Amino acid sequence: MALRNARDITTAPLTAAGLIGGYVTARETGIRPLGGVVLAGAGLLAGRTWLAKTGPATTAALSAIYLGGFGASHPLAKKIGAWPSVLAVSGAAAAAAHFLSDRR
């Protein structure tokens, strides 16, 4: 089994899937670390693509946005609710991935 060429992967949907999928996995199984596995898997695959397409500086910025979105979703959830929070940070991370990497 081989991974697709990193330059051929679109990361905006991947980042959204990682954040939303991680949340759903943790919520439905009750096993928070399992949600982290989903988050990490999508993040690693996206990071591989970001590095191939944009270089280390943009990869670091997009990784910070991705992980920062995960961290920001928790306090944001207390203000606007869990699902709106997860969708908001997923949208922000996906938009950043689209504009900084995928459009290249």
PDB file of N, CA and C in Angstrom:
ATOM      1  N   MET A   1       0.853  -1.177   0.000  1.00  0.00           N
ATOM      2  CA  MET A   1       0.000   0.000   0.000  1.00  0.00           C
ATOM      3  C   MET A   1       0.894   1.234   0.000  1.00  0.00           C
ATOM      4  N   ALA A   2       0.586   2.172  -0.864  1.00  0.00           N
ATOM      5  CA  ALA A   2       1.386   3.387  -0.962  1.00  0.00           C
ATOM      6  C   ALA A   2       0.487   4.605  -0.855  1.00  0.00           C
ATOM      7  N   LEU A   3       1.016   5.645  -0.254  1.00  0.00           N
ATOM      8  CA  LEU A   3       0.273   6.904  -0.172  1.00  0.00           C
ATOM      9  C   LEU A   3       0.335   7.616  -1.520  1.00  0.00           C
ATOM     10  N   ARG A   4      -0.700   8.361  -1.814  1.00  0.00           N
ATOM     11  CA  ARG A   4      -0.691   9.182  -3.032  1.00  0.00           C
ATOM     12  C   ARG A   4       0.425  10.208  -2.937  1.00  0.00           C
ATOM     13  N   ASN A   5       0.810  10.717  -4.080  1.00  0.00           N
ATOM     14  CA  ASN A   5       1.793  11.784  -4.111  1.00  0.00           C
ATOM     15  C   ASN A   5       1.266  12.947  -3.270  1.00  0.00           C
ATOM     16  N   ALA A   6       2.113  13.476  -2.405  1.00  0.00           N
ATOM     17  CA  ALA A   6       1.697  14.536  -1.484  1.00  0.00           C
ATOM     18  C   ALA A   6       1.153  15.753  -2.220  1.00  0.00           C
ATOM     19  N   ARG A   7       1.691  16.077  -3.356  1.00  0.00           N
ATOM     20  CA  ARG A   7       1.247  17.258  -4.098  1.00  0.00           C
ATOM     21  C   ARG A   7      -0.150  17.088  -4.706  1.00  0.00           C
ATOM     22  N   ASP A   8      -0.636  15.858  -4.764  1.00  0.00           N
ATOM     23  CA  ASP A   8      -1.944  15.586  -5.373  1.00  0.00           C
ATOM     24  C   ASP A   8      -3.097  15.603  -4.367  1.00  0.00           C
ATOM     25  N   ILE A   9      -2.799  15.796  -3.093  1.00  0.00           N
ATOM     26  CA  ILE A   9      -3.832  15.733  -2.061  1.00  0.00           C
ATOM     27  C   ILE A   9      -4.377  17.130  -1.779  1.00  0.00           C
ATOM     28  N   THR A  10      -5.684  17.240  -1.700  1.00  0.00           N
ATOM     29  CA  THR A  10      -6.344  18.488  -1.340  1.00  0.00           C
ATOM     30  C   THR A  10      -6.551  18.471   0.171  1.00  0.00           C
ATOM     31  N   THR A  11      -5.995  19.450   0.858  1.00  0.00           N
ATOM     32  CA  THR A  11      -5.970  19.388   2.319  1.00  0.00           C
ATOM     33  C   THR A  11      -7.119  20.097   3.020  1.00  0.00           C
ATOM     34  N   ALA A  12      -7.841  20.973   2.345  1.00  0.00           N
ATOM     35  CA  ALA A  12      -8.946  21.667   3.012  1.00  0.00           C
ATOM     36  C   ALA A  12      -9.986  20.675   3.541  1.00  0.00           C
ATOM     37  N   PRO A  13     -10.482  19.741   2.717  1.00  0.00           N
ATOM     38  CA  PRO A  13     -11.441  18.782   3.264  1.00  0.00           C
ATOM     39  C   PRO A  13     -10.803  17.838   4.280  1.00  0.00           C
ATOM     40  N   LEU A  14      -9.525  17.570   4.118  1.00  0.00           N
ATOM     41  CA  LEU A  14      -8.825  16.698   5.058  1.00  0.00           C
ATOM     42  C   LEU A  14      -8.734  17.333   6.444  1.00  0.00           C
ATOM     43  N   THR A  15      -8.439  18.623   6.499  1.00  0.00           N
ATOM     44  CA  THR A  15      -8.363  19.293   7.805  1.00  0.00           C
ATOM     45  C   THR A  15      -9.735  19.353   8.462  1.00  0.00           C
ATOM     46  N   ALA A  16     -10.766  19.636   7.679  1.00  0.00           N
ATOM     47  CA  ALA A  16     -12.122  19.652   8.241  1.00  0.00           C
ATOM     48  C   ALA A  16     -12.510  18.261   8.731  1.00  0.00           C
ATOM     49  N   ALA A  17     -12.177  17.242   7.952  1.00  0.00           N
ATOM     50  CA  ALA A  17     -12.497  15.872   8.346  1.00  0.00           C
ATOM     51  C   ALA A  17     -11.749  15.470   9.614  1.00  0.00           C
ATOM     52  N   GLY A  18     -10.516  15.921   9.758  1.00  0.00           N
ATOM     53  CA  GLY A  18      -9.748  15.597  10.958  1.00  0.00           C
ATOM     54  C   GLY A  18     -10.346  16.209  12.209  1.00  0.00           C
ATOM     55  N   LEU A  19     -10.720  17.479  12.117  1.00  0.00           N
ATOM     56  CA  LEU A  19     -11.296  18.162  13.279  1.00  0.00           C
ATOM     57  C   LEU A  19     -12.701  17.642  13.597  1.00  0.00           C
ATOM     58  N   ILE A  20     -13.540  17.530  12.581  1.00  0.00           N
ATOM     59  CA  ILE A  20     -14.905  17.048  12.814  1.00  0.00           C
ATOM     60  C   ILE A  20     -14.893  15.561  13.168  1.00  0.00           C
ATOM     61  N   GLY A  21     -14.114  14.798  12.437  1.00  0.00           N
ATOM     62  CA  GLY A  21     -14.036  13.359  12.698  1.00  0.00           C
ATOM     63  C   GLY A  21     -13.459  13.042  14.066  1.00  0.00           C
ATOM     64  N   GLY A  22     -12.468  13.809  14.486  1.00  0.00           N
ATOM     65  CA  GLY A  22     -11.904  13.611  15.820  1.00  0.00           C
ATOM     66  C   GLY A  22     -12.932  13.884  16.903  1.00  0.00           C
ATOM     67  N   TYR A  23     -13.693  14.953  16.710  1.00  0.00           N
ATOM     68  CA  TYR A  23     -14.739  15.303  17.681  1.00  0.00           C
ATOM     69  C   TYR A  23     -15.799  14.204  17.744  1.00  0.00           C
ATOM     70  N   VAL A  24     -16.291  13.785  16.583  1.00  0.00           N
ATOM     71  CA  VAL A  24     -17.343  12.773  16.543  1.00  0.00           C
ATOM     72  C   VAL A  24     -16.842  11.453  17.130  1.00  0.00           C
ATOM     73  N   THR A  25     -15.637  11.069  16.782  1.00  0.00           N
ATOM     74  CA  THR A  25     -15.086   9.825  17.305  1.00  0.00           C
ATOM     75  C   THR A  25     -14.999   9.853  18.824  1.00  0.00           C
ATOM     76  N   ALA A  26     -14.470  10.940  19.378  1.00  0.00           N
ATOM     77  CA  ALA A  26     -14.355  11.056  20.834  1.00  0.00           C
ATOM     78  C   ALA A  26     -15.728  11.085  21.494  1.00  0.00           C
ATOM     79  N   ARG A  27     -16.638  11.806  20.899  1.00  0.00           N
ATOM     80  CA  ARG A  27     -17.977  11.942  21.487  1.00  0.00           C
ATOM     81  C   ARG A  27     -18.757  10.628  21.459  1.00  0.00           C
ATOM     82  N   GLU A  28     -18.734   9.959  20.333  1.00  0.00           N
ATOM     83  CA  GLU A  28     -19.547   8.748  20.180  1.00  0.00           C
ATOM     84  C   GLU A  28     -18.959   7.528  20.875  1.00  0.00           C
ATOM     85  N   THR A  29     -17.634   7.446  20.960  1.00  0.00           N
ATOM     86  CA  THR A  29     -17.029   6.295  21.625  1.00  0.00           C
ATOM     87  C   THR A  29     -16.817   6.543  23.118  1.00  0.00           C
ATOM     88  N   GLY A  30     -16.754   7.816  23.497  1.00  0.00           N
ATOM     89  CA  GLY A  30     -16.436   8.148  24.878  1.00  0.00           C
ATOM     90  C   GLY A  30     -14.954   7.998  25.186  1.00  0.00           C
ATOM     91  N   ILE A  31     -14.157   7.735  24.163  1.00  0.00           N
ATOM     92  CA  ILE A  31     -12.710   7.549  24.319  1.00  0.00           C
ATOM     93  C   ILE A  31     -12.020   8.740  23.662  1.00  0.00           C
ATOM     94  N   ARG A  32     -11.701   9.743  24.470  1.00  0.00           N
ATOM     95  CA  ARG A  32     -11.121  10.978  23.921  1.00  0.00           C
ATOM     96  C   ARG A  32      -9.810  10.749  23.181  1.00  0.00           C
ATOM     97  N   PRO A  33      -8.913   9.880  23.677  1.00  0.00           N
ATOM     98  CA  PRO A  33      -7.674   9.662  22.923  1.00  0.00           C
ATOM     99  C   PRO A  33      -7.906   9.090  21.527  1.00  0.00           C
ATOM    100  N   LEU A  34      -8.981   8.348  21.342  1.00  0.00           N
ATOM    101  CA  LEU A  34      -9.279   7.827  20.016  1.00  0.00           C
ATOM    102  C   LEU A  34      -9.620   8.964  19.052  1.00  0.00           C
ATOM    103  N   GLY A  35     -10.322   9.975  19.549  1.00  0.00           N
ATOM    104  CA  GLY A  35     -10.564  11.167  18.742  1.00  0.00           C
ATOM    105  C   GLY A  35      -9.259  11.858  18.390  1.00  0.00           C
ATOM    106  N   GLY A  36      -8.317  11.840  19.319  1.00  0.00           N
ATOM    107  CA  GLY A  36      -6.998  12.412  19.061  1.00  0.00           C
ATOM    108  C   GLY A  36      -6.246  11.662  17.974  1.00  0.00           C
ATOM    109  N   VAL A  37      -6.451  10.361  17.890  1.00  0.00           N
ATOM    110  CA  VAL A  37      -5.821   9.565  16.833  1.00  0.00           C
ATOM    111  C   VAL A  37      -6.339   9.999  15.463  1.00  0.00           C
ATOM    112  N   VAL A  38      -7.645  10.216  15.376  1.00  0.00           N
ATOM    113  CA  VAL A  38      -8.241  10.684  14.109  1.00  0.00           C
ATOM    114  C   VAL A  38      -7.681  12.062  13.761  1.00  0.00           C
ATOM    115  N   LEU A  39      -7.664  12.961  14.738  1.00  0.00           N
ATOM    116  CA  LEU A  39      -7.128  14.308  14.547  1.00  0.00           C
ATOM    117  C   LEU A  39      -5.671  14.253  14.087  1.00  0.00           C
ATOM    118  N   ALA A  40      -4.866  13.437  14.758  1.00  0.00           N
ATOM    119  CA  ALA A  40      -3.440  13.333  14.431  1.00  0.00           C
ATOM    120  C   ALA A  40      -3.216  12.728  13.050  1.00  0.00           C
ATOM    121  N   GLY A  41      -3.977  11.690  12.717  1.00  0.00           N
ATOM    122  CA  GLY A  41      -3.812  11.052  11.409  1.00  0.00           C
ATOM    123  C   GLY A  41      -4.071  12.015  10.261  1.00  0.00           C
ATOM    124  N   ALA A  42      -5.178  12.734  10.359  1.00  0.00           N
ATOM    125  CA  ALA A  42      -5.495  13.708   9.308  1.00  0.00           C
ATOM    126  C   ALA A  42      -4.463  14.829   9.289  1.00  0.00           C
ATOM    127  N   GLY A  43      -4.030  15.258  10.465  1.00  0.00           N
ATOM    128  CA  GLY A  43      -3.035  16.323  10.554  1.00  0.00           C
ATOM    129  C   GLY A  43      -1.691  15.926   9.956  1.00  0.00           C
ATOM    130  N   LEU A  44      -1.278  14.698  10.197  1.00  0.00           N
ATOM    131  CA  LEU A  44      -0.008  14.230   9.626  1.00  0.00           C
ATOM    132  C   LEU A  44      -0.072  14.141   8.105  1.00  0.00           C
ATOM    133  N   LEU A  45      -1.179  13.631   7.598  1.00  0.00           N
ATOM    134  CA  LEU A  45      -1.325  13.542   6.143  1.00  0.00           C
ATOM    135  C   LEU A  45      -1.376  14.936   5.518  1.00  0.00           C
ATOM    136  N   ALA A  46      -2.117  15.834   6.142  1.00  0.00           N
ATOM    137  CA  ALA A  46      -2.173  17.208   5.628  1.00  0.00           C
ATOM    138  C   ALA A  46      -0.799  17.874   5.729  1.00  0.00           C
ATOM    139  N   GLY A  47      -0.121  17.671   6.837  1.00  0.00           N
ATOM    140  CA  GLY A  47       1.199  18.267   7.020  1.00  0.00           C
ATOM    141  C   GLY A  47       2.201  17.807   5.977  1.00  0.00           C
ATOM    142  N   ARG A  48       2.115  16.550   5.601  1.00  0.00           N
ATOM    143  CA  ARG A  48       2.990  16.012   4.550  1.00  0.00           C
ATOM    144  C   ARG A  48       2.753  16.760   3.245  1.00  0.00           C
ATOM    145  N   THR A  49       1.502  17.032   2.941  1.00  0.00           N
ATOM    146  CA  THR A  49       1.164  17.751   1.717  1.00  0.00           C
ATOM    147  C   THR A  49       1.592  19.210   1.804  1.00  0.00           C
ATOM    148  N   TRP A  50       1.324  19.845   2.954  1.00  0.00           N
ATOM    149  CA  TRP A  50       1.721  21.245   3.115  1.00  0.00           C
ATOM    150  C   TRP A  50       3.219  21.408   2.928  1.00  0.00           C
ATOM    151  N   LEU A  51       3.982  20.489   3.486  1.00  0.00           N
ATOM    152  CA  LEU A  51       5.441  20.579   3.361  1.00  0.00           C
ATOM    153  C   LEU A  51       5.869  20.433   1.901  1.00  0.00           C
ATOM    154  N   ALA A  52       5.266  19.505   1.183  1.00  0.00           N
ATOM    155  CA  ALA A  52       5.624  19.294  -0.219  1.00  0.00           C
ATOM    156  C   ALA A  52       5.230  20.476  -1.097  1.00  0.00           C
ATOM    157  N   LYS A  53       4.097  21.104  -0.791  1.00  0.00           N
ATOM    158  CA  LYS A  53       3.603  22.192  -1.632  1.00  0.00           C
ATOM    159  C   LYS A  53       4.128  23.563  -1.245  1.00  0.00           C
ATOM    160  N   THR A  54       4.337  23.797   0.049  1.00  0.00           N
ATOM    161  CA  THR A  54       4.590  25.175   0.486  1.00  0.00           C
ATOM    162  C   THR A  54       5.887  25.403   1.239  1.00  0.00           C
ATOM    163  N   GLY A  55       6.490  24.359   1.779  1.00  0.00           N
ATOM    164  CA  GLY A  55       7.713  24.526   2.542  1.00  0.00           C
ATOM    165  C   GLY A  55       7.454  24.574   4.044  1.00  0.00           C
ATOM    166  N   PRO A  56       8.534  24.639   4.830  1.00  0.00           N
ATOM    167  CA  PRO A  56       8.415  24.521   6.284  1.00  0.00           C
ATOM    168  C   PRO A  56       7.689  25.675   6.973  1.00  0.00           C
ATOM    169  N   ALA A  57       7.856  26.894   6.517  1.00  0.00           N
ATOM    170  CA  ALA A  57       7.240  28.038   7.209  1.00  0.00           C
ATOM    171  C   ALA A  57       5.716  27.980   7.122  1.00  0.00           C
ATOM    172  N   THR A  58       5.185  27.763   5.934  1.00  0.00           N
ATOM    173  CA  THR A  58       3.734  27.688   5.774  1.00  0.00           C
ATOM    174  C   THR A  58       3.193  26.428   6.434  1.00  0.00           C
ATOM    175  N   THR A  59       3.955  25.343   6.383  1.00  0.00           N
ATOM    176  CA  THR A  59       3.541  24.112   7.070  1.00  0.00           C
ATOM    177  C   THR A  59       3.405  24.364   8.561  1.00  0.00           C
ATOM    178  N   ALA A  60       4.354  25.080   9.136  1.00  0.00           N
ATOM    179  CA  ALA A  60       4.281  25.405  10.565  1.00  0.00           C
ATOM    180  C   ALA A  60       3.067  26.277  10.867  1.00  0.00           C
ATOM    181  N   ALA A  61       2.799  27.239  10.012  1.00  0.00           N
ATOM    182  CA  ALA A  61       1.642  28.120  10.217  1.00  0.00           C
ATOM    183  C   ALA A  61       0.333  27.343  10.109  1.00  0.00           C
ATOM    184  N   LEU A  62       0.213  26.504   9.089  1.00  0.00           N
ATOM    185  CA  LEU A  62      -1.018  25.726   8.919  1.00  0.00           C
ATOM    186  C   LEU A  62      -1.186  24.698  10.041  1.00  0.00           C
ATOM    187  N   SER A  63      -0.096  24.126  10.488  1.00  0.00           N
ATOM    188  CA  SER A  63      -0.162  23.187  11.616  1.00  0.00           C
ATOM    189  C   SER A  63      -0.620  23.900  12.878  1.00  0.00           C
ATOM    190  N   ALA A  64      -0.126  25.112  13.090  1.00  0.00           N
ATOM    191  CA  ALA A  64      -0.542  25.899  14.255  1.00  0.00           C
ATOM    192  C   ALA A  64      -2.031  26.246  14.172  1.00  0.00           C
ATOM    193  N   ILE A  65      -2.501  26.569  12.984  1.00  0.00           N
ATOM    194  CA  ILE A  65      -3.929  26.869  12.803  1.00  0.00           C
ATOM    195  C   ILE A  65      -4.762  25.621  13.078  1.00  0.00           C
ATOM    196  N   TYR A  66      -4.330  24.486  12.558  1.00  0.00           N
ATOM    197  CA  TYR A  66      -5.050  23.219  12.746  1.00  0.00           C
ATOM    198  C   TYR A  66      -5.114  22.842  14.227  1.00  0.00           C
ATOM    199  N   LEU A  67      -3.974  22.812  14.869  1.00  0.00           N
ATOM    200  CA  LEU A  67      -3.940  22.449  16.291  1.00  0.00           C
ATOM    201  C   LEU A  67      -4.538  23.546  17.171  1.00  0.00           C
ATOM    202  N   GLY A  68      -4.349  24.794  16.762  1.00  0.00           N
ATOM    203  CA  GLY A  68      -4.945  25.904  17.503  1.00  0.00           C
ATOM    204  C   GLY A  68      -6.458  25.866  17.421  1.00  0.00           C
ATOM    205  N   GLY A  69      -6.978  25.442  16.278  1.00  0.00           N
ATOM    206  CA  GLY A  69      -8.419  25.293  16.139  1.00  0.00           C
ATOM    207  C   GLY A  69      -8.955  24.235  17.078  1.00  0.00           C
ATOM    208  N   PHE A  70      -8.221  23.156  17.215  1.00  0.00           N
ATOM    209  CA  PHE A  70      -8.613  22.103  18.153  1.00  0.00           C
ATOM    210  C   PHE A  70      -8.641  22.663  19.573  1.00  0.00           C
ATOM    211  N   GLY A  71      -7.608  23.383  19.951  1.00  0.00           N
ATOM    212  CA  GLY A  71      -7.549  23.968  21.289  1.00  0.00           C
ATOM    213  C   GLY A  71      -8.595  25.049  21.508  1.00  0.00           C
ATOM    214  N   ALA A  72      -8.833  25.853  20.495  1.00  0.00           N
ATOM    215  CA  ALA A  72      -9.794  26.958  20.616  1.00  0.00           C
ATOM    216  C   ALA A  72     -11.234  26.474  20.642  1.00  0.00           C
ATOM    217  N   SER A  73     -11.481  25.294  20.109  1.00  0.00           N
ATOM    218  CA  SER A  73     -12.855  24.807  20.057  1.00  0.00           C
ATOM    219  C   SER A  73     -13.417  24.527  21.447  1.00  0.00           C
ATOM    220  N   HIS A  74     -12.553  24.194  22.381  1.00  0.00           N
ATOM    221  CA  HIS A  74     -13.029  23.875  23.731  1.00  0.00           C
ATOM    222  C   HIS A  74     -13.601  25.098  24.458  1.00  0.00           C
ATOM    223  N   PRO A  75     -12.856  26.189  24.582  1.00  0.00           N
ATOM    224  CA  PRO A  75     -13.461  27.358  25.234  1.00  0.00           C
ATOM    225  C   PRO A  75     -14.583  27.983  24.400  1.00  0.00           C
ATOM    226  N   LEU A  76     -14.459  27.906  23.087  1.00  0.00           N
ATOM    227  CA  LEU A  76     -15.504  28.442  22.224  1.00  0.00           C
ATOM    228  C   LEU A  76     -16.808  27.659  22.405  1.00  0.00           C
ATOM    229  N   ALA A  77     -16.696  26.360  22.645  1.00  0.00           N
ATOM    230  CA  ALA A  77     -17.885  25.524  22.837  1.00  0.00           C
ATOM    231  C   ALA A  77     -18.697  25.967  24.048  1.00  0.00           C
ATOM    232  N   LYS A  78     -18.028  26.491  25.048  1.00  0.00           N
ATOM    233  CA  LYS A  78     -18.742  26.970  26.240  1.00  0.00           C
ATOM    234  C   LYS A  78     -19.574  28.213  25.927  1.00  0.00           C
ATOM    235  N   LYS A  79     -19.196  28.935  24.893  1.00  0.00           N
ATOM    236  CA  LYS A  79     -19.912  30.165  24.528  1.00  0.00           C
ATOM    237  C   LYS A  79     -20.995  29.939  23.484  1.00  0.00           C
ATOM    238  N   ILE A  80     -20.704  29.098  22.476  1.00  0.00           N
ATOM    239  CA  ILE A  80     -21.657  28.951  21.369  1.00  0.00           C
ATOM    240  C   ILE A  80     -22.180  27.528  21.198  1.00  0.00           C
ATOM    241  N   GLY A  81     -21.665  26.587  21.949  1.00  0.00           N
ATOM    242  CA  GLY A  81     -22.093  25.194  21.829  1.00  0.00           C
ATOM    243  C   GLY A  81     -21.043  24.351  21.123  1.00  0.00           C
ATOM    244  N   ALA A  82     -21.117  23.056  21.360  1.00  0.00           N
ATOM    245  CA  ALA A  82     -20.094  22.147  20.840  1.00  0.00           C
ATOM    246  C   ALA A  82     -20.066  22.088  19.311  1.00  0.00           C
ATOM    247  N   TRP A  83     -21.209  21.781  18.702  1.00  0.00           N
ATOM    248  CA  TRP A  83     -21.217  21.646  17.244  1.00  0.00           C
ATOM    249  C   TRP A  83     -20.885  22.957  16.531  1.00  0.00           C
ATOM    250  N   PRO A  84     -21.485  24.075  16.909  1.00  0.00           N
ATOM    251  CA  PRO A  84     -21.100  25.321  16.234  1.00  0.00           C
ATOM    252  C   PRO A  84     -19.609  25.625  16.373  1.00  0.00           C
ATOM    253  N   SER A  85     -19.058  25.313  17.526  1.00  0.00           N
ATOM    254  CA  SER A  85     -17.632  25.547  17.757  1.00  0.00           C
ATOM    255  C   SER A  85     -16.776  24.679  16.840  1.00  0.00           C
ATOM    256  N   VAL A  86     -17.072  23.396  16.791  1.00  0.00           N
ATOM    257  CA  VAL A  86     -16.299  22.476  15.943  1.00  0.00           C
ATOM    258  C   VAL A  86     -16.423  22.877  14.478  1.00  0.00           C
ATOM    259  N   LEU A  87     -17.609  23.235  14.052  1.00  0.00           N
ATOM    260  CA  LEU A  87     -17.798  23.643  12.654  1.00  0.00           C
ATOM    261  C   LEU A  87     -17.069  24.949  12.341  1.00  0.00           C
ATOM    262  N   ALA A  88     -17.065  25.881  13.281  1.00  0.00           N
ATOM    263  CA  ALA A  88     -16.384  27.162  13.062  1.00  0.00           C
ATOM    264  C   ALA A  88     -14.877  26.973  12.917  1.00  0.00           C
ATOM    265  N   VAL A  89     -14.270  26.232  13.829  1.00  0.00           N
ATOM    266  CA  VAL A  89     -12.813  26.059  13.743  1.00  0.00           C
ATOM    267  C   VAL A  89     -12.442  25.174  12.561  1.00  0.00           C
ATOM    268  N   SER A  90     -13.293  24.222  12.221  1.00  0.00           N
ATOM    269  CA  SER A  90     -13.024  23.383  11.048  1.00  0.00           C
ATOM    270  C   SER A  90     -13.073  24.217   9.772  1.00  0.00           C
ATOM    271  N   GLY A  91     -14.047  25.103   9.693  1.00  0.00           N
ATOM    272  CA  GLY A  91     -14.146  25.990   8.533  1.00  0.00           C
ATOM    273  C   GLY A  91     -12.958  26.924   8.415  1.00  0.00           C
ATOM    274  N   ALA A  92     -12.517  27.453   9.542  1.00  0.00           N
ATOM    275  CA  ALA A  92     -11.358  28.353   9.531  1.00  0.00           C
ATOM    276  C   ALA A  92     -10.095  27.611   9.107  1.00  0.00           C
ATOM    277  N   ALA A  93      -9.894  26.417   9.640  1.00  0.00           N
ATOM    278  CA  ALA A  93      -8.702  25.641   9.283  1.00  0.00           C
ATOM    279  C   ALA A  93      -8.752  25.216   7.817  1.00  0.00           C
ATOM    280  N   ALA A  94      -9.922  24.815   7.350  1.00  0.00           N
ATOM    281  CA  ALA A  94     -10.062  24.413   5.949  1.00  0.00           C
ATOM    282  C   ALA A  94      -9.835  25.591   5.007  1.00  0.00           C
ATOM    283  N   ALA A  95     -10.346  26.759   5.376  1.00  0.00           N
ATOM    284  CA  ALA A  95     -10.133  27.950   4.550  1.00  0.00           C
ATOM    285  C   ALA A  95      -8.648  28.306   4.482  1.00  0.00           C
ATOM    286  N   ALA A  96      -7.977  28.242   5.611  1.00  0.00           N
ATOM    287  CA  ALA A  96      -6.536  28.529   5.629  1.00  0.00           C
ATOM    288  C   ALA A  96      -5.784  27.536   4.751  1.00  0.00           C
ATOM    289  N   ALA A  97      -6.124  26.244   4.858  1.00  0.00           N
ATOM    290  CA  ALA A  97      -5.463  25.232   4.038  1.00  0.00           C
ATOM    291  C   ALA A  97      -5.723  25.477   2.555  1.00  0.00           C
ATOM    292  N   HIS A  98      -6.928  25.862   2.234  1.00  0.00           N
ATOM    293  CA  HIS A  98      -7.262  26.117   0.831  1.00  0.00           C
ATOM    294  C   HIS A  98      -6.448  27.292   0.275  1.00  0.00           C
ATOM    295  N   PHE A  99      -6.460  28.401   1.003  1.00  0.00           N
ATOM    296  CA  PHE A  99      -5.811  29.606   0.479  1.00  0.00           C
ATOM    297  C   PHE A  99      -4.281  29.559   0.550  1.00  0.00           C
ATOM    298  N   LEU A 100      -3.735  28.895   1.563  1.00  0.00           N
ATOM    299  CA  LEU A 100      -2.278  28.893   1.720  1.00  0.00           C
ATOM    300  C   LEU A 100      -1.589  27.708   1.061  1.00  0.00           C
ATOM    301  N   SER A 101      -2.349  26.645   0.750  1.00  0.00           N
ATOM    302  CA  SER A 101      -1.717  25.471   0.176  1.00  0.00           C
ATOM    303  C   SER A 101      -2.415  24.926  -1.067  1.00  0.00           C
ATOM    304  N   ASP A 102      -3.691  24.643  -0.968  1.00  0.00           N
ATOM    305  CA  ASP A 102      -4.388  23.929  -2.043  1.00  0.00           C
ATOM    306  C   ASP A 102      -4.473  24.697  -3.354  1.00  0.00           C
ATOM    307  N   ARG A 103      -4.529  26.004  -3.283  1.00  0.00           N
ATOM    308  CA  ARG A 103      -4.641  26.792  -4.510  1.00  0.00           C
ATOM    309  C   ARG A 103      -3.345  26.829  -5.317  1.00  0.00           C
ATOM    310  N   ARG A 104      -2.282  26.328  -4.767  1.00  0.00           N
ATOM    311  CA  ARG A 104      -0.992  26.335  -5.468  1.00  0.00           C
ATOM    312  C   ARG A 104      -0.957  25.325  -6.585  1.00  0.00           C
TER     313      ARG A 104
END
